[in-house]
Amino acid sequence: MNISVFGLGIIGSHCADNLTAGNHQITTWNRTPKKRDDSVTSASEAARKSEILCFYLKDGIACRETFEALRPALTSNHTLINHSTVDLDTTKWLAEQCSALGTAFLDCPFTGSKVAALNCELVYYAGGSEVLIEELRPILNVTSKEIIRLGDIGAATIVKVATNLISASTVQALSEGMAIAKAHGVSPDTFIPAVLSNACGSRLASMKLPAMANGDFDTHFSLDNMRKDSALAIKLAEQAGLSTPGIEATSTTITSLCESGYAALDYSVLYKQF
C-alpha cells in the first residue's frame, strides 16, 4: 500500500520504519522537517502520494492544523487513521470532516511506548466501522501485536485517555510508595521485589520502578504528553459531571515538573518530586 505517516516523534518514526520494512511504500511528513529520504515538505503532498494517511501527532491542535493543511488533497479514495491521543471533540470533528469529504476515518489510538513501537508491539484501540477495521487490519498488524475493537468512533479515544489516567496515577503512587520506604531506610533493592510480588505489582511497575530508582528517565513516553493526557481525562470527567480528585492532584504535580524543566523526560520522572 501507499501510506503516508504524519508525525515523526518516538512512535511515528518507528512505525514508518516498520511499515517500510513491511514492503509498503511510505511517505512521511513532520511539522518540524526531519532528514529522511521518504519525507516531503508539505502535508498536502504527503496526502497526494498515498491512499492511507496515518496521524501520529502530538495533540488535538496538531491534528486539526494538519488536517486543514491536507484538506484540499483529500478524496473519497483516502482513509485517515488517527493514532494520536486527542480530546473527544477533535476525534468527532475529524470524523465529521472526513465524512463530508467522503474520506473513510478510523479512531485508532495506541498503547505502548518506544520499545513497543520499535518491536511492532503496539496495541491499537479501534473505534469505527468493523468492515473498515478488517480492511485496514493488514496495515495495522505490521506495527502492532493486538487490535482491540471498541465500538463506534469516540470509544477508542475515551478508553485511551482513561487508561493513561490509570498509568499516570500508578506512577504517582509508585513514586510516593518508594519515597516513603526509602525515607524510612528501606532500599529500592528491597522495596521493588516486594512490590512486584504484591497484588499491586504490574508490568508498569516492573518497567518504571527500576528506572526511577536508578534515576534513568530516558523518554519512552514524555512527561509533557502525560500532562496533556491527564488534562484530557479531567475534561472528560467534567463533561460527565464527575469529580476525579486523584488525577487532578497528579496532573497538578505533572504540570509543575514540566514547568521545572522535566517535560521532555519520561513520565517516571514524577519520582523527581521527592
Protein backbone atom coordinates (compact mmCIF):
# COMPACT_ATOMS: atom_id res chain seq x y z
CA MET A 1 0.00 0.00 0.00
CA ASN A 2 0.94 3.64 -0.35
CA ILE A 3 0.89 5.01 3.19
CA SER A 4 1.73 8.48 4.49
CA VAL A 5 2.77 8.92 8.11
CA PHE A 6 2.20 12.34 9.66
CA GLY A 7 4.24 12.96 12.81
CA LEU A 8 7.75 11.59 13.31
CA GLY A 9 8.13 11.54 17.06
CA ILE A 10 9.20 8.48 19.03
CA ILE A 11 6.25 6.39 17.85
CA GLY A 12 5.60 7.73 14.36
CA SER A 13 9.20 7.38 13.24
CA HIS A 14 9.43 3.74 14.36
CA CYS A 15 6.08 2.92 12.77
CA ALA A 16 7.15 4.49 9.49
CA ASP A 17 10.33 2.41 9.54
CA ASN A 18 8.40 -0.78 10.30
CA LEU A 19 5.86 -0.12 7.56
CA THR A 20 8.73 0.38 5.14
CA ALA A 21 10.24 -2.91 6.29
CA GLY A 22 6.83 -4.47 5.62
CA ASN A 23 7.21 -3.56 1.93
CA HIS A 24 4.74 -0.68 1.94
CA GLN A 25 5.51 2.49 0.02
CA ILE A 26 5.92 5.11 2.75
CA THR A 27 5.85 8.90 2.61
CA THR A 28 6.47 10.90 5.79
CA TRP A 29 5.80 14.43 6.90
CA ASN A 30 6.60 16.25 10.13
CA ARG A 31 5.80 19.81 11.17
CA THR A 32 9.48 20.22 12.01
CA PRO A 33 11.23 18.75 8.95
CA LYS A 34 13.18 15.52 9.53
CA LYS A 35 16.10 14.31 7.44
CA ARG A 36 14.55 11.20 5.92
CA ASP A 37 14.65 10.00 2.34
CA ASP A 38 10.89 9.41 2.43
CA SER A 39 9.95 12.87 3.79
CA VAL A 40 8.17 15.59 1.85
CA THR A 41 7.84 19.23 2.71
CA SER A 42 4.06 19.67 2.78
CA ALA A 43 1.18 17.75 4.33
CA SER A 44 -0.88 18.04 1.15
CA GLU A 45 1.93 16.50 -0.90
CA ALA A 46 2.06 13.59 1.52
CA ALA A 47 -1.69 13.12 1.14
CA ARG A 48 -1.50 13.12 -2.64
CA LYS A 49 1.13 10.37 -2.60
CA SER A 50 -0.93 7.85 -0.60
CA GLU A 51 -4.38 6.41 -0.07
CA ILE A 52 -3.79 5.60 3.62
CA LEU A 53 -2.98 8.53 5.91
CA CYS A 54 -1.76 7.80 9.46
CA PHE A 55 -1.65 10.54 12.10
CA TYR A 56 0.89 10.09 14.92
CA LEU A 57 0.68 13.71 16.02
CA LYS A 58 1.14 15.30 19.44
CA ASP A 59 -2.33 16.62 20.24
CA GLY A 60 -5.69 17.83 19.00
CA ILE A 61 -4.34 21.16 17.82
CA ALA A 62 -1.69 19.45 15.70
CA CYS A 63 -4.30 17.09 14.24
CA ARG A 64 -6.67 19.89 13.32
CA GLU A 65 -3.94 22.04 11.79
CA THR A 66 -2.54 19.13 9.81
CA PHE A 67 -5.98 18.13 8.60
CA GLU A 68 -6.64 21.66 7.34
CA ALA A 69 -3.29 21.62 5.54
CA LEU A 70 -4.12 18.42 3.67
CA ARG A 71 -7.86 19.05 3.25
CA PRO A 72 -7.51 20.23 -0.40
CA ALA A 73 -5.89 16.90 -1.30
CA LEU A 74 -8.46 14.63 0.38
CA THR A 75 -10.77 12.50 -1.74
CA SER A 76 -13.11 9.54 -1.38
CA ASN A 77 -10.13 7.32 -2.17
CA HIS A 78 -8.42 8.27 1.09
CA THR A 79 -8.61 6.70 4.53
CA LEU A 80 -7.46 8.66 7.58
CA ILE A 81 -6.34 6.65 10.61
CA ASN A 82 -5.89 8.81 13.69
CA HIS A 83 -3.41 7.16 16.06
CA SER A 84 -2.91 10.38 18.04
CA THR A 85 -4.24 10.74 21.59
CA VAL A 86 -6.60 13.70 21.41
CA ASP A 87 -9.69 15.16 23.03
CA LEU A 88 -13.04 13.62 22.18
CA ASP A 89 -14.20 16.79 20.42
CA THR A 90 -11.27 16.57 17.99
CA THR A 91 -11.98 12.91 17.24
CA LYS A 92 -15.60 13.73 16.44
CA TRP A 93 -14.53 16.75 14.39
CA LEU A 94 -12.10 14.68 12.31
CA ALA A 95 -14.81 12.08 11.70
CA GLU A 96 -17.31 14.74 10.63
CA GLN A 97 -14.84 16.48 8.31
CA CYS A 98 -13.84 13.18 6.70
CA SER A 99 -17.48 12.18 6.24
CA ALA A 100 -18.23 15.44 4.46
CA LEU A 101 -15.38 14.74 2.03
CA GLY A 102 -16.23 11.07 1.53
CA THR A 103 -12.96 10.10 3.24
CA ALA A 104 -13.01 7.00 5.46
CA PHE A 105 -11.97 7.55 9.09
CA LEU A 106 -10.78 5.26 11.87
CA ASP A 107 -10.44 6.31 15.53
CA CYS A 108 -7.38 4.22 16.43
CA PRO A 109 -5.11 5.42 19.26
CA PHE A 110 -2.46 3.06 20.61
CA THR A 111 -0.99 1.92 23.87
CA GLY A 112 2.70 1.13 24.09
CA SER A 113 5.76 3.35 24.09
CA LYS A 114 9.19 3.42 22.46
CA VAL A 115 10.20 -0.24 22.81
CA ALA A 116 6.76 -1.48 21.73
CA ALA A 117 6.83 0.76 18.65
CA LEU A 118 10.35 -0.40 17.79
CA ASN A 119 9.35 -4.06 18.08
CA CYS A 120 5.99 -3.75 16.26
CA GLU A 121 4.14 -4.48 19.52
CA LEU A 122 1.76 -1.56 19.88
CA VAL A 123 -1.82 -2.30 20.88
CA TYR A 124 -4.42 -0.39 18.88
CA TYR A 125 -7.79 0.63 20.28
CA ALA A 126 -10.06 0.74 17.23
CA GLY A 127 -13.33 2.63 17.04
CA GLY A 128 -15.37 2.74 13.85
CA SER A 129 -16.70 0.52 11.11
CA GLU A 130 -15.99 -3.19 11.58
CA VAL A 131 -15.64 -3.51 7.80
CA LEU A 132 -13.07 -0.71 7.71
CA ILE A 133 -11.11 -2.22 10.59
CA GLU A 134 -10.88 -5.53 8.74
CA GLU A 135 -9.82 -3.78 5.55
CA LEU A 136 -7.04 -2.00 7.44
CA ARG A 137 -6.00 -4.96 9.59
CA PRO A 138 -3.10 -5.99 7.25
CA ILE A 139 -1.63 -2.50 7.73
CA LEU A 140 -2.34 -2.23 11.46
CA ASN A 141 -0.86 -5.68 12.06
CA VAL A 142 2.54 -4.52 10.81
CA THR A 143 3.08 -2.18 13.75
CA SER A 144 1.02 -3.90 16.45
CA LYS A 145 0.56 -7.14 18.36
CA GLU A 146 -3.15 -6.65 19.02
CA ILE A 147 -6.15 -4.69 17.75
CA ILE A 148 -8.94 -4.22 20.28
CA ARG A 149 -12.34 -3.41 18.80
CA LEU A 150 -14.10 -0.82 20.98
CA GLY A 151 -17.28 0.13 19.18
CA ASP A 152 -18.19 3.38 17.50
CA ILE A 153 -15.95 6.35 16.76
CA GLY A 154 -15.02 8.08 20.01
CA ALA A 155 -14.95 4.99 22.23
CA ALA A 156 -11.30 4.29 21.46
CA THR A 157 -10.37 7.89 22.28
CA ILE A 158 -12.15 7.66 25.63
CA VAL A 159 -10.53 4.34 26.55
CA LYS A 160 -7.05 5.61 25.63
CA VAL A 161 -7.42 8.69 27.81
CA ALA A 162 -8.90 6.68 30.70
CA THR A 163 -6.08 4.11 30.60
CA ASN A 164 -3.44 6.84 30.56
CA LEU A 165 -5.13 8.31 33.63
CA ILE A 166 -4.52 4.95 35.34
CA SER A 167 -0.88 4.87 34.20
CA ALA A 168 -0.20 8.39 35.47
CA SER A 169 -1.90 7.68 38.80
CA THR A 170 0.00 4.40 39.16
CA VAL A 171 3.40 6.00 38.63
CA GLN A 172 2.48 8.73 41.12
CA ALA A 173 1.56 6.03 43.66
CA LEU A 174 4.78 4.10 42.95
CA SER A 175 6.76 7.31 43.47
CA GLU A 176 5.09 8.02 46.79
CA GLY A 177 5.47 4.44 47.98
CA MET A 178 9.17 4.18 47.15
CA ALA A 179 9.87 7.63 48.59
CA ILE A 180 8.24 6.68 51.90
CA ALA A 181 10.07 3.36 52.03
CA LYS A 182 13.42 4.95 51.23
CA ALA A 183 12.90 7.73 53.79
CA HIS A 184 12.47 5.07 56.46
CA GLY A 185 15.60 3.15 55.48
CA VAL A 186 14.19 0.55 53.07
CA SER A 187 16.36 0.46 49.95
CA PRO A 188 14.86 0.30 46.44
CA ASP A 189 16.57 -3.09 46.02
CA THR A 190 14.37 -4.36 48.85
CA PHE A 191 11.25 -2.37 48.02
CA ILE A 192 10.97 -3.21 44.31
CA PRO A 193 10.84 -7.02 44.61
CA ALA A 194 8.29 -6.64 47.40
CA VAL A 195 6.06 -4.55 45.14
CA LEU A 196 6.41 -6.90 42.20
CA SER A 197 5.36 -9.87 44.36
CA ASN A 198 2.41 -7.91 45.76
CA ALA A 199 -1.07 -7.72 44.24
CA CYS A 200 -0.22 -4.13 43.30
CA GLY A 201 2.68 -5.32 41.18
CA SER A 202 2.27 -4.83 37.42
CA ARG A 203 4.14 -4.70 34.13
CA LEU A 204 4.18 -0.91 34.50
CA ALA A 205 5.72 -1.19 37.98
CA SER A 206 8.36 -3.61 36.69
CA MET A 207 9.32 -1.12 33.96
CA LYS A 208 9.21 2.11 35.91
CA LEU A 209 10.42 1.32 39.45
CA PRO A 210 13.97 0.23 38.49
CA ALA A 211 14.34 3.24 36.20
CA MET A 212 13.11 5.57 38.95
CA ALA A 213 15.49 4.02 41.49
CA ASN A 214 18.42 4.46 39.08
CA GLY A 215 17.46 7.97 38.01
CA ASP A 216 17.07 6.75 34.42
CA PHE A 217 14.41 8.90 32.84
CA ASP A 218 15.16 8.13 29.19
CA THR A 219 11.98 9.01 27.33
CA HIS A 220 9.60 6.23 26.44
CA PHE A 221 6.52 8.41 26.96
CA SER A 222 7.20 12.01 27.84
CA LEU A 223 6.01 13.81 30.94
CA ASP A 224 4.59 16.54 28.70
CA ASN A 225 2.47 14.01 26.80
CA MET A 226 1.20 12.67 30.11
CA ARG A 227 0.42 16.24 31.20
CA LYS A 228 -1.67 16.63 28.06
CA ASP A 229 -3.44 13.31 28.57
CA SER A 230 -4.18 13.99 32.25
CA ALA A 231 -5.83 17.24 31.20
CA LEU A 232 -7.90 15.32 28.62
CA ALA A 233 -9.04 12.92 31.34
CA ILE A 234 -10.09 15.79 33.59
CA LYS A 235 -12.03 17.34 30.72
CA LEU A 236 -13.86 14.07 30.02
CA ALA A 237 -14.74 13.81 33.72
CA GLU A 238 -16.05 17.37 33.78
CA GLN A 239 -18.18 16.71 30.71
CA ALA A 240 -19.74 13.75 32.53
CA GLY A 241 -20.24 15.68 35.77
CA LEU A 242 -17.70 13.51 37.63
CA SER A 243 -15.25 14.54 40.35
CA THR A 244 -11.78 13.00 39.88
CA PRO A 245 -9.55 14.36 42.67
CA GLY A 246 -6.83 11.73 42.15
CA ILE A 247 -5.90 12.62 38.58
CA GLU A 248 -6.41 16.31 39.29
CA ALA A 249 -3.75 16.19 42.02
CA THR A 250 -1.41 14.13 39.84
CA SER A 251 -1.94 16.46 36.89
CA THR A 252 -1.00 19.45 39.05
CA THR A 253 2.25 17.72 40.01
CA ILE A 254 2.97 16.75 36.41
CA THR A 255 2.43 20.33 35.27
CA SER A 256 4.73 21.67 37.97
CA LEU A 257 7.50 19.26 36.99
CA CYS A 258 7.06 20.17 33.31
CA GLU A 259 7.47 23.81 34.23
CA SER A 260 10.62 22.89 36.17
CA GLY A 261 12.29 21.60 33.02
CA TYR A 262 11.41 17.90 33.00
CA ALA A 263 8.77 17.97 30.25
CA ALA A 264 10.82 16.07 27.65
CA LEU A 265 11.81 13.25 30.02
CA ASP A 266 9.89 10.05 30.65
CA TYR A 267 6.88 10.47 32.92
CA SER A 268 8.57 8.25 35.51
CA VAL A 269 10.38 11.48 36.33
CA LEU A 270 7.40 12.03 38.63
CA TYR A 271 9.74 10.49 41.21
CA LYS A 272 11.80 13.69 41.00
CA GLN A 273 9.24 15.44 43.21
CA PHE A 274 10.84 13.54 46.10
